[in-house]
Amino acid sequence: MPYLRIQTNRPVDDAEKKNLAQLASALVARELGKPESYVMIAFAPQQPMLFGGNDAPCAYLELKSIGLPAARVQALSQALCQLLDDALKIPPARVYIEFSDAKASLWGWDGATF
């Protein structure tokens, strides 16, 4: 049920995408205490982006999850920013993250909802 979408203006080859997706999947599962079998990671194609008026490497992430605990958002932000810094050399100050708590009744899976 957790879904993380990563968008960046930095070129990322297929091996980097796969590695980052695997690392992000494990991180999200661990930080949210949810089974990794329910975690989905999407990596958007490289796109033009500006942050602070310049096109230096930057990223925008969206993390949605059923029952996203507000008390975990700070730790998630820190962990995700560190992951992007380590894996893609995107400084945390050039990352925005949108967190969304989804209602189970509005999250579909396997022909039903949670």
N, C-alpha and C. Protein backbone atom coordinates (compact mmCIF):
# COMPACT_ATOMS: atom_id res chain seq x y z
N MET A 1 0.79 -1.21 0.00
CA MET A 1 0.00 0.00 0.00
C MET A 1 0.82 1.27 0.00
N PRO A 2 2.06 1.28 0.54
CA PRO A 2 2.86 2.48 0.34
C PRO A 2 3.28 2.61 -1.12
N TYR A 3 3.22 3.84 -1.63
CA TYR A 3 3.61 4.13 -3.00
C TYR A 3 4.56 5.32 -2.98
N LEU A 4 5.73 5.14 -3.55
CA LEU A 4 6.72 6.21 -3.63
C LEU A 4 7.04 6.47 -5.09
N ARG A 5 6.85 7.71 -5.53
CA ARG A 5 7.20 8.13 -6.89
C ARG A 5 8.37 9.10 -6.79
N ILE A 6 9.40 8.85 -7.59
CA ILE A 6 10.61 9.66 -7.59
C ILE A 6 10.73 10.36 -8.95
N GLN A 7 10.84 11.68 -8.92
CA GLN A 7 11.05 12.47 -10.12
C GLN A 7 12.33 13.27 -9.95
N THR A 8 13.13 13.33 -10.99
CA THR A 8 14.37 14.11 -10.92
C THR A 8 14.76 14.63 -12.30
N ASN A 9 15.58 15.65 -12.29
CA ASN A 9 16.12 16.18 -13.54
C ASN A 9 17.50 15.59 -13.83
N ARG A 10 17.99 14.77 -12.94
CA ARG A 10 19.32 14.18 -13.09
C ARG A 10 19.23 12.94 -13.98
N PRO A 11 20.17 12.78 -14.92
CA PRO A 11 20.17 11.55 -15.71
C PRO A 11 20.45 10.35 -14.80
N VAL A 12 19.66 9.31 -14.94
CA VAL A 12 19.81 8.11 -14.11
C VAL A 12 19.73 6.91 -15.03
N ASP A 13 20.79 6.11 -15.07
CA ASP A 13 20.76 4.95 -15.97
C ASP A 13 19.92 3.83 -15.35
N ASP A 14 19.64 2.82 -16.14
CA ASP A 14 18.74 1.74 -15.71
C ASP A 14 19.25 1.01 -14.47
N ALA A 15 20.56 0.79 -14.39
CA ALA A 15 21.12 0.10 -13.22
C ALA A 15 20.93 0.95 -11.96
N GLU A 16 21.14 2.26 -12.07
CA GLU A 16 20.94 3.16 -10.93
C GLU A 16 19.47 3.17 -10.51
N LYS A 17 18.57 3.20 -11.49
CA LYS A 17 17.13 3.19 -11.18
C LYS A 17 16.74 1.92 -10.42
N LYS A 18 17.22 0.79 -10.91
CA LYS A 18 16.89 -0.48 -10.26
C LYS A 18 17.43 -0.52 -8.84
N ASN A 19 18.69 -0.11 -8.68
CA ASN A 19 19.31 -0.09 -7.35
C ASN A 19 18.56 0.84 -6.41
N LEU A 20 18.26 2.05 -6.88
CA LEU A 20 17.56 3.03 -6.04
C LEU A 20 16.16 2.52 -5.69
N ALA A 21 15.46 1.93 -6.64
CA ALA A 21 14.12 1.40 -6.36
C ALA A 21 14.17 0.31 -5.29
N GLN A 22 15.16 -0.58 -5.39
CA GLN A 22 15.29 -1.64 -4.39
C GLN A 22 15.61 -1.08 -3.01
N LEU A 23 16.52 -0.12 -2.96
CA LEU A 23 16.87 0.50 -1.68
C LEU A 23 15.68 1.26 -1.10
N ALA A 24 14.96 1.99 -1.95
CA ALA A 24 13.81 2.77 -1.50
C ALA A 24 12.69 1.86 -1.01
N SER A 25 12.48 0.75 -1.69
CA SER A 25 11.43 -0.19 -1.29
C SER A 25 11.70 -0.72 0.12
N ALA A 26 12.92 -1.15 0.36
CA ALA A 26 13.28 -1.67 1.69
C ALA A 26 13.18 -0.57 2.74
N LEU A 27 13.62 0.64 2.40
CA LEU A 27 13.58 1.77 3.34
C LEU A 27 12.14 2.11 3.72
N VAL A 28 11.27 2.24 2.74
CA VAL A 28 9.87 2.59 3.00
C VAL A 28 9.20 1.52 3.86
N ALA A 29 9.42 0.26 3.52
CA ALA A 29 8.84 -0.83 4.32
C ALA A 29 9.32 -0.77 5.76
N ARG A 30 10.62 -0.60 5.93
CA ARG A 30 11.20 -0.56 7.28
C ARG A 30 10.68 0.63 8.08
N GLU A 31 10.72 1.81 7.48
CA GLU A 31 10.32 3.03 8.19
C GLU A 31 8.83 3.06 8.53
N LEU A 32 8.00 2.43 7.68
CA LEU A 32 6.56 2.42 7.94
C LEU A 32 6.11 1.16 8.67
N GLY A 33 7.01 0.20 8.82
CA GLY A 33 6.64 -1.04 9.50
C GLY A 33 5.61 -1.83 8.72
N LYS A 34 5.72 -1.80 7.39
CA LYS A 34 4.76 -2.51 6.53
C LYS A 34 5.51 -3.55 5.71
N PRO A 35 4.82 -4.61 5.30
CA PRO A 35 5.49 -5.63 4.49
C PRO A 35 5.96 -5.05 3.16
N GLU A 36 7.19 -5.37 2.79
CA GLU A 36 7.72 -4.86 1.52
C GLU A 36 6.92 -5.39 0.33
N SER A 37 6.24 -6.51 0.52
CA SER A 37 5.43 -7.07 -0.57
C SER A 37 4.31 -6.14 -1.01
N TYR A 38 3.97 -5.15 -0.20
CA TYR A 38 2.92 -4.18 -0.55
C TYR A 38 3.49 -2.84 -1.05
N VAL A 39 4.79 -2.67 -1.00
CA VAL A 39 5.41 -1.39 -1.37
C VAL A 39 5.58 -1.30 -2.89
N MET A 40 5.19 -0.15 -3.46
CA MET A 40 5.39 0.10 -4.89
C MET A 40 6.27 1.34 -5.04
N ILE A 41 7.28 1.22 -5.90
CA ILE A 41 8.20 2.32 -6.19
C ILE A 41 8.11 2.63 -7.67
N ALA A 42 7.95 3.90 -8.02
CA ALA A 42 7.93 4.32 -9.42
C ALA A 42 9.01 5.36 -9.63
N PHE A 43 9.72 5.24 -10.73
CA PHE A 43 10.77 6.19 -11.07
C PHE A 43 10.35 6.88 -12.35
N ALA A 44 10.02 8.15 -12.27
CA ALA A 44 9.59 8.91 -13.44
C ALA A 44 10.78 9.14 -14.36
N PRO A 45 10.54 9.22 -15.67
CA PRO A 45 11.64 9.54 -16.59
C PRO A 45 12.25 10.90 -16.26
N GLN A 46 13.52 11.05 -16.60
CA GLN A 46 14.19 12.34 -16.40
C GLN A 46 13.37 13.44 -17.06
N GLN A 47 13.21 14.56 -16.36
CA GLN A 47 12.42 15.66 -16.88
C GLN A 47 13.03 16.99 -16.51
N PRO A 48 12.73 18.02 -17.30
CA PRO A 48 13.23 19.35 -16.96
C PRO A 48 12.64 19.80 -15.62
N MET A 49 13.49 20.22 -14.72
CA MET A 49 13.05 20.72 -13.41
C MET A 49 13.96 21.85 -12.98
N LEU A 50 13.38 22.84 -12.34
CA LEU A 50 14.15 23.91 -11.70
C LEU A 50 13.83 23.90 -10.21
N PHE A 51 14.81 24.21 -9.41
CA PHE A 51 14.61 24.39 -7.98
C PHE A 51 15.41 25.62 -7.60
N GLY A 52 14.76 26.61 -7.04
CA GLY A 52 15.46 27.83 -6.67
C GLY A 52 16.00 28.59 -7.87
N GLY A 53 15.34 28.42 -9.00
CA GLY A 53 15.73 29.16 -10.19
C GLY A 53 16.86 28.57 -10.99
N ASN A 54 17.37 27.39 -10.60
CA ASN A 54 18.43 26.78 -11.41
C ASN A 54 18.16 25.29 -11.62
N ASP A 55 18.86 24.72 -12.59
CA ASP A 55 18.59 23.34 -12.95
C ASP A 55 19.64 22.36 -12.42
N ALA A 56 20.31 22.71 -11.34
CA ALA A 56 21.20 21.75 -10.68
C ALA A 56 20.36 20.54 -10.25
N PRO A 57 20.99 19.38 -10.05
CA PRO A 57 20.21 18.19 -9.69
C PRO A 57 19.25 18.45 -8.52
N CYS A 58 18.01 18.03 -8.73
CA CYS A 58 16.97 18.17 -7.71
C CYS A 58 15.98 17.01 -7.88
N ALA A 59 15.10 16.86 -6.90
CA ALA A 59 14.12 15.77 -6.96
C ALA A 59 12.84 16.16 -6.24
N TYR A 60 11.76 15.53 -6.69
CA TYR A 60 10.45 15.66 -6.05
C TYR A 60 9.95 14.25 -5.83
N LEU A 61 9.58 13.95 -4.59
CA LEU A 61 9.07 12.64 -4.24
C LEU A 61 7.65 12.75 -3.73
N GLU A 62 6.85 11.75 -4.00
CA GLU A 62 5.50 11.63 -3.44
C GLU A 62 5.44 10.30 -2.72
N LEU A 63 5.11 10.33 -1.45
CA LEU A 63 4.93 9.10 -0.67
C LEU A 63 3.52 9.07 -0.15
N LYS A 64 2.77 8.07 -0.59
CA LYS A 64 1.39 7.88 -0.14
C LYS A 64 1.30 6.53 0.55
N SER A 65 0.54 6.50 1.63
CA SER A 65 0.38 5.24 2.35
C SER A 65 -0.89 5.29 3.19
N ILE A 66 -1.50 4.14 3.32
CA ILE A 66 -2.65 4.03 4.23
C ILE A 66 -2.11 4.10 5.65
N GLY A 67 -2.70 4.97 6.43
CA GLY A 67 -2.29 5.10 7.83
C GLY A 67 -0.89 5.66 8.00
N LEU A 68 -0.51 6.61 7.15
CA LEU A 68 0.80 7.24 7.28
C LEU A 68 0.87 8.00 8.61
N PRO A 69 1.70 7.54 9.53
CA PRO A 69 1.75 8.21 10.84
C PRO A 69 2.52 9.52 10.78
N ALA A 70 1.88 10.60 11.19
CA ALA A 70 2.52 11.92 11.18
C ALA A 70 3.81 11.91 11.99
N ALA A 71 3.88 11.09 13.01
CA ALA A 71 5.07 11.02 13.85
C ALA A 71 6.27 10.43 13.11
N ARG A 72 6.06 9.75 11.98
CA ARG A 72 7.14 9.12 11.22
C ARG A 72 7.63 9.98 10.05
N VAL A 73 6.91 11.06 9.73
CA VAL A 73 7.22 11.86 8.55
C VAL A 73 8.62 12.47 8.62
N GLN A 74 9.01 13.00 9.75
CA GLN A 74 10.34 13.60 9.89
C GLN A 74 11.44 12.57 9.61
N ALA A 75 11.32 11.39 10.20
CA ALA A 75 12.33 10.34 9.99
C ALA A 75 12.31 9.87 8.54
N LEU A 76 11.13 9.77 7.95
CA LEU A 76 11.03 9.39 6.54
C LEU A 76 11.69 10.42 5.64
N SER A 77 11.45 11.68 5.91
CA SER A 77 12.05 12.75 5.12
C SER A 77 13.57 12.67 5.19
N GLN A 78 14.09 12.50 6.39
CA GLN A 78 15.54 12.41 6.56
C GLN A 78 16.10 11.19 5.84
N ALA A 79 15.45 10.04 5.99
CA ALA A 79 15.94 8.81 5.37
C ALA A 79 15.88 8.87 3.84
N LEU A 80 14.79 9.40 3.30
CA LEU A 80 14.66 9.50 1.84
C LEU A 80 15.66 10.51 1.26
N CYS A 81 15.84 11.64 1.94
CA CYS A 81 16.82 12.62 1.47
C CYS A 81 18.23 12.04 1.52
N GLN A 82 18.54 11.29 2.56
CA GLN A 82 19.86 10.67 2.66
C GLN A 82 20.06 9.65 1.55
N LEU A 83 19.01 8.89 1.25
CA LEU A 83 19.08 7.90 0.17
C LEU A 83 19.38 8.58 -1.17
N LEU A 84 18.69 9.68 -1.47
CA LEU A 84 18.93 10.39 -2.73
C LEU A 84 20.33 11.00 -2.77
N ASP A 85 20.79 11.48 -1.64
CA ASP A 85 22.14 12.05 -1.58
C ASP A 85 23.17 10.96 -1.83
N ASP A 86 23.01 9.81 -1.17
CA ASP A 86 23.95 8.70 -1.32
C ASP A 86 23.92 8.11 -2.73
N ALA A 87 22.71 7.86 -3.24
CA ALA A 87 22.57 7.14 -4.51
C ALA A 87 22.72 8.03 -5.74
N LEU A 88 22.22 9.27 -5.66
CA LEU A 88 22.20 10.13 -6.85
C LEU A 88 22.96 11.44 -6.68
N LYS A 89 23.53 11.65 -5.50
CA LYS A 89 24.28 12.88 -5.21
C LYS A 89 23.39 14.13 -5.35
N ILE A 90 22.12 13.98 -4.94
CA ILE A 90 21.20 15.12 -4.91
C ILE A 90 21.15 15.60 -3.46
N PRO A 91 21.60 16.81 -3.17
CA PRO A 91 21.63 17.30 -1.80
C PRO A 91 20.22 17.39 -1.20
N PRO A 92 20.08 17.07 0.08
CA PRO A 92 18.77 17.14 0.73
C PRO A 92 18.07 18.50 0.58
N ALA A 93 18.84 19.57 0.50
CA ALA A 93 18.24 20.90 0.36
C ALA A 93 17.64 21.12 -1.02
N ARG A 94 17.81 20.14 -1.92
CA ARG A 94 17.24 20.25 -3.27
C ARG A 94 16.20 19.16 -3.51
N VAL A 95 15.57 18.72 -2.42
CA VAL A 95 14.56 17.67 -2.49
C VAL A 95 13.29 18.14 -1.79
N TYR A 96 12.16 18.03 -2.48
CA TYR A 96 10.85 18.21 -1.86
C TYR A 96 10.18 16.85 -1.79
N ILE A 97 9.45 16.61 -0.70
CA ILE A 97 8.71 15.35 -0.54
C ILE A 97 7.29 15.69 -0.12
N GLU A 98 6.33 15.15 -0.83
CA GLU A 98 4.92 15.29 -0.48
C GLU A 98 4.46 13.99 0.16
N PHE A 99 4.00 14.08 1.40
CA PHE A 99 3.49 12.92 2.12
C PHE A 99 1.97 12.96 2.12
N SER A 100 1.34 11.82 1.86
CA SER A 100 -0.13 11.74 1.85
C SER A 100 -0.58 10.50 2.59
N ASP A 101 -1.52 10.70 3.48
CA ASP A 101 -2.16 9.60 4.20
C ASP A 101 -3.43 9.24 3.44
N ALA A 102 -3.48 8.05 2.90
CA ALA A 102 -4.62 7.62 2.08
C ALA A 102 -5.64 6.84 2.92
N LYS A 103 -6.92 7.07 2.64
CA LYS A 103 -7.97 6.29 3.28
C LYS A 103 -7.98 4.89 2.69
N ALA A 104 -8.09 3.89 3.53
CA ALA A 104 -8.12 2.51 3.05
C ALA A 104 -9.25 2.27 2.07
N SER A 105 -10.38 2.92 2.30
CA SER A 105 -11.54 2.72 1.42
C SER A 105 -11.34 3.35 0.04
N LEU A 106 -10.32 4.21 -0.10
CA LEU A 106 -10.05 4.86 -1.37
C LEU A 106 -8.77 4.34 -2.04
N TRP A 107 -8.28 3.21 -1.56
CA TRP A 107 -7.06 2.62 -2.10
C TRP A 107 -7.43 1.24 -2.63
N GLY A 108 -7.40 1.09 -3.96
CA GLY A 108 -7.78 -0.17 -4.58
C GLY A 108 -6.63 -1.12 -4.73
N TRP A 109 -6.94 -2.41 -4.64
CA TRP A 109 -5.96 -3.47 -4.86
C TRP A 109 -6.68 -4.77 -5.08
N ASP A 110 -6.22 -5.51 -6.04
CA ASP A 110 -6.72 -6.87 -6.29
C ASP A 110 -8.24 -6.90 -6.51
N GLY A 111 -8.76 -5.89 -7.18
CA GLY A 111 -10.19 -5.85 -7.49
C GLY A 111 -11.07 -5.38 -6.36
N ALA A 112 -10.47 -4.92 -5.28
CA ALA A 112 -11.25 -4.44 -4.12
C ALA A 112 -10.54 -3.21 -3.55
N THR A 113 -10.85 -2.85 -2.34
CA THR A 113 -10.14 -1.81 -1.62
C THR A 113 -9.69 -2.37 -0.29
N PHE A 114 -8.78 -1.62 0.34
CA PHE A 114 -8.30 -2.06 1.65
C PHE A 114 -9.31 -1.72 2.72
